[in-house]
């Protein structure tokens, strides 16, 4: 496969995967926020909120897992650049009306490329951690709606999802 499409920047002229060269890009402050949701039965959510899950404090462990995942994103996503993260914030908020936990990750850096993948990875791993810690109590847990909601900085400018 050969491509010369500049939109496929992770492929070289021969169609081989490559890491994008960001040498010429300006170092700017960048931030990305991602969100997702873990849907559980009300009984399972109550166990989490009341800190009665046998494996421990689900929200605290998932928060740390998400932060650690953001820092390890280039180890998980093959063509991501290793970035000096200046901040990672994770919020896990129980929503009793929807019987879910809403997860939001915001990641910041001052670098030549953005942190969207780090924010998405943080949410994903936090959600997987909730699943892992609760699967003995419930097998019908669903992880949903993981998406980028905002990003700022860099050549492409700001983005806010609908």
Protein backbone atom coordinates (compact mmCIF):
# COMPACT_ATOMS: atom_id res chain seq x y z
CA UNK A 1 0.00 0.00 0.00
CA UNK A 2 1.31 3.40 -0.96
CA UNK A 3 -0.11 6.71 0.08
CA UNK A 4 0.71 10.34 -0.42
CA UNK A 5 -2.37 11.60 1.44
CA UNK A 6 -1.06 14.16 3.96
CA UNK A 7 -4.11 13.44 6.17
CA UNK A 8 -2.67 9.98 6.88
CA UNK A 9 0.32 11.39 8.69
CA UNK A 10 1.06 8.20 10.64
CA UNK A 11 1.99 6.50 7.36
CA UNK A 12 5.11 7.11 5.30
CA UNK A 13 5.19 7.21 1.49
CA UNK A 14 5.34 3.41 1.39
CA UNK A 15 2.33 3.03 3.70
CA UNK A 16 4.39 1.99 6.72
CA UNK A 17 3.51 3.17 10.22
CA UNK A 18 5.65 5.96 11.61
CA UNK A 19 5.67 8.32 14.54
CA UNK A 20 4.93 11.87 13.43
CA UNK A 21 7.94 14.20 13.62
CA UNK A 22 6.91 17.15 15.79
CA UNK A 23 10.33 18.86 15.73
CA UNK A 24 9.05 21.92 13.85
CA UNK A 25 5.92 22.34 15.97
CA UNK A 26 5.81 25.07 18.59
CA UNK A 27 5.89 24.20 22.26
CA UNK A 28 2.57 25.45 23.65
CA UNK A 29 0.34 24.84 26.64
CA UNK A 30 -2.12 22.08 25.80
CA UNK A 31 -5.06 20.61 27.64
CA UNK A 32 -7.61 17.90 26.91
CA UNK A 33 -10.67 16.66 28.78
CA UNK A 34 -12.33 13.32 28.16
CA UNK A 35 -15.41 11.72 29.69
CA UNK A 36 -16.98 8.33 30.04
CA UNK A 37 -19.50 6.46 32.12
CA UNK A 38 -19.76 3.16 33.95
CA UNK A 39 -23.35 1.93 34.26
CA UNK A 40 -24.15 -0.44 37.14
CA UNK A 41 -27.15 -1.76 39.02
CA UNK A 42 -28.29 0.54 41.85
CA UNK A 43 -27.24 -2.10 44.40
CA UNK A 44 -23.70 -2.17 43.03
CA UNK A 45 -23.49 1.62 42.98
CA UNK A 46 -24.59 1.65 46.63
CA UNK A 47 -21.78 -0.77 47.55
CA UNK A 48 -19.28 1.58 45.88
CA UNK A 49 -20.64 4.78 47.44
CA UNK A 50 -20.87 3.20 50.90
CA UNK A 51 -17.32 1.80 50.51
CA UNK A 52 -18.54 -1.75 51.05
CA UNK A 53 -17.00 -3.34 47.95
CA UNK A 54 -14.80 -6.28 49.08
CA UNK A 55 -11.82 -5.14 46.96
CA UNK A 56 -11.69 -1.73 48.67
CA UNK A 57 -12.31 1.92 47.81
CA UNK A 58 -13.34 1.64 44.16
CA UNK A 59 -13.34 5.36 43.39
CA UNK A 60 -9.92 6.01 44.96
CA UNK A 61 -8.28 3.05 43.21
CA UNK A 62 -9.87 3.95 39.84
CA UNK A 63 -8.69 7.57 40.21
CA UNK A 64 -5.09 6.47 40.79
CA UNK A 65 -5.32 3.93 37.95
CA UNK A 66 -6.50 6.65 35.55
CA UNK A 67 -3.68 8.98 36.54
CA UNK A 68 -1.11 6.21 36.13
CA UNK A 69 -2.60 5.28 32.74
CA UNK A 70 -2.31 8.85 31.44
CA UNK A 71 1.38 8.76 32.31
CA UNK A 72 1.82 5.40 30.51
CA UNK A 73 -0.15 6.20 27.34
CA UNK A 74 2.82 5.93 24.95
CA UNK A 75 3.47 2.44 26.34
CA UNK A 76 -0.08 1.44 25.40
CA UNK A 77 -0.78 3.35 22.16
CA UNK A 78 2.08 2.57 19.77
CA UNK A 79 2.48 5.87 17.91
CA UNK A 80 1.89 8.30 20.79
CA UNK A 81 4.73 10.57 21.79
CA UNK A 82 5.98 10.38 25.38
CA UNK A 83 5.00 13.71 26.92
CA UNK A 84 5.96 15.56 30.08
CA UNK A 85 2.55 15.77 31.73
CA UNK A 86 2.20 18.77 34.00
CA UNK A 87 -1.16 17.76 35.45
CA UNK A 88 -3.71 14.95 35.46
CA UNK A 89 -7.05 15.35 37.23
CA UNK A 90 -9.63 12.60 37.46
CA UNK A 91 -13.15 12.96 38.80
CA UNK A 92 -15.41 9.98 39.44
CA UNK A 93 -18.90 11.13 40.35
CA UNK A 94 -21.68 8.72 41.29
CA UNK A 95 -24.97 9.53 39.53
CA UNK A 96 -27.75 7.77 41.44
CA UNK A 97 -30.47 8.85 38.99
CA UNK A 98 -28.63 7.18 36.07
CA UNK A 99 -27.15 4.40 38.24
CA UNK A 100 -23.70 5.20 36.92
CA UNK A 101 -20.33 6.71 37.67
CA UNK A 102 -19.37 9.64 35.46
CA UNK A 103 -15.62 9.80 34.85
CA UNK A 104 -13.86 12.97 33.70
CA UNK A 105 -10.13 13.28 33.07
CA UNK A 106 -8.29 16.52 32.33
CA UNK A 107 -4.66 16.34 31.26
CA UNK A 108 -2.22 19.23 30.75
CA UNK A 109 1.22 19.63 29.23
CA UNK A 110 3.47 22.20 27.66
CA UNK A 111 4.75 20.39 24.62
CA UNK A 112 4.76 20.08 20.84
CA UNK A 113 1.76 17.76 20.65
CA UNK A 114 -1.54 17.38 22.42
CA UNK A 115 -2.78 15.22 25.27
CA UNK A 116 -6.08 13.92 23.88
CA UNK A 117 -4.92 10.30 23.95
CA UNK A 118 -3.72 10.67 27.54
CA UNK A 119 -7.13 11.99 28.65
CA UNK A 120 -8.98 9.23 26.78
CA UNK A 121 -6.65 6.57 28.18
CA UNK A 122 -7.12 7.89 31.72
CA UNK A 123 -10.92 7.64 31.44
CA UNK A 124 -10.74 4.20 29.82
CA UNK A 125 -8.47 2.69 32.46
CA UNK A 126 -10.40 4.28 35.32
CA UNK A 127 -13.59 2.72 33.90
CA UNK A 128 -11.91 -0.66 33.47
CA UNK A 129 -10.70 -0.47 37.05
CA UNK A 130 -14.24 0.15 38.30
CA UNK A 131 -15.32 -2.90 36.28
CA UNK A 132 -12.50 -5.04 37.66
CA UNK A 133 -13.18 -4.09 41.26
CA UNK A 134 -16.94 -4.69 40.93
CA UNK A 135 -17.21 -7.68 38.59
CA UNK A 136 -17.66 -10.15 41.46
CA UNK A 137 -20.77 -8.22 42.54
CA UNK A 138 -22.14 -7.66 39.03
CA UNK A 139 -21.37 -9.02 35.57
CA UNK A 140 -23.69 -6.68 33.65
CA UNK A 141 -21.58 -3.53 34.15
CA UNK A 142 -21.34 -1.41 30.99
CA UNK A 143 -18.63 1.07 30.02
CA UNK A 144 -20.09 3.74 27.74
CA UNK A 145 -19.61 7.02 25.95
CA UNK A 146 -15.85 7.48 26.24
CA UNK A 147 -15.12 10.59 24.23
CA UNK A 148 -13.04 13.74 23.94
CA UNK A 149 -15.05 16.73 25.16
CA UNK A 150 -12.53 19.59 24.92
CA UNK A 151 -9.00 20.29 23.81
CA UNK A 152 -6.98 23.47 23.65
CA UNK A 153 -3.59 24.56 22.40
CA UNK A 154 -1.57 23.72 19.37
CA UNK A 155 -1.83 24.52 15.68
CA UNK A 156 -5.31 23.04 15.24
CA UNK A 157 -6.70 25.28 18.00
CA UNK A 158 -9.54 24.64 20.40
CA UNK A 159 -12.22 21.96 20.15
CA UNK A 160 -15.41 21.49 22.14
CA UNK A 161 -17.71 18.55 21.45
CA UNK A 162 -21.44 19.10 20.99
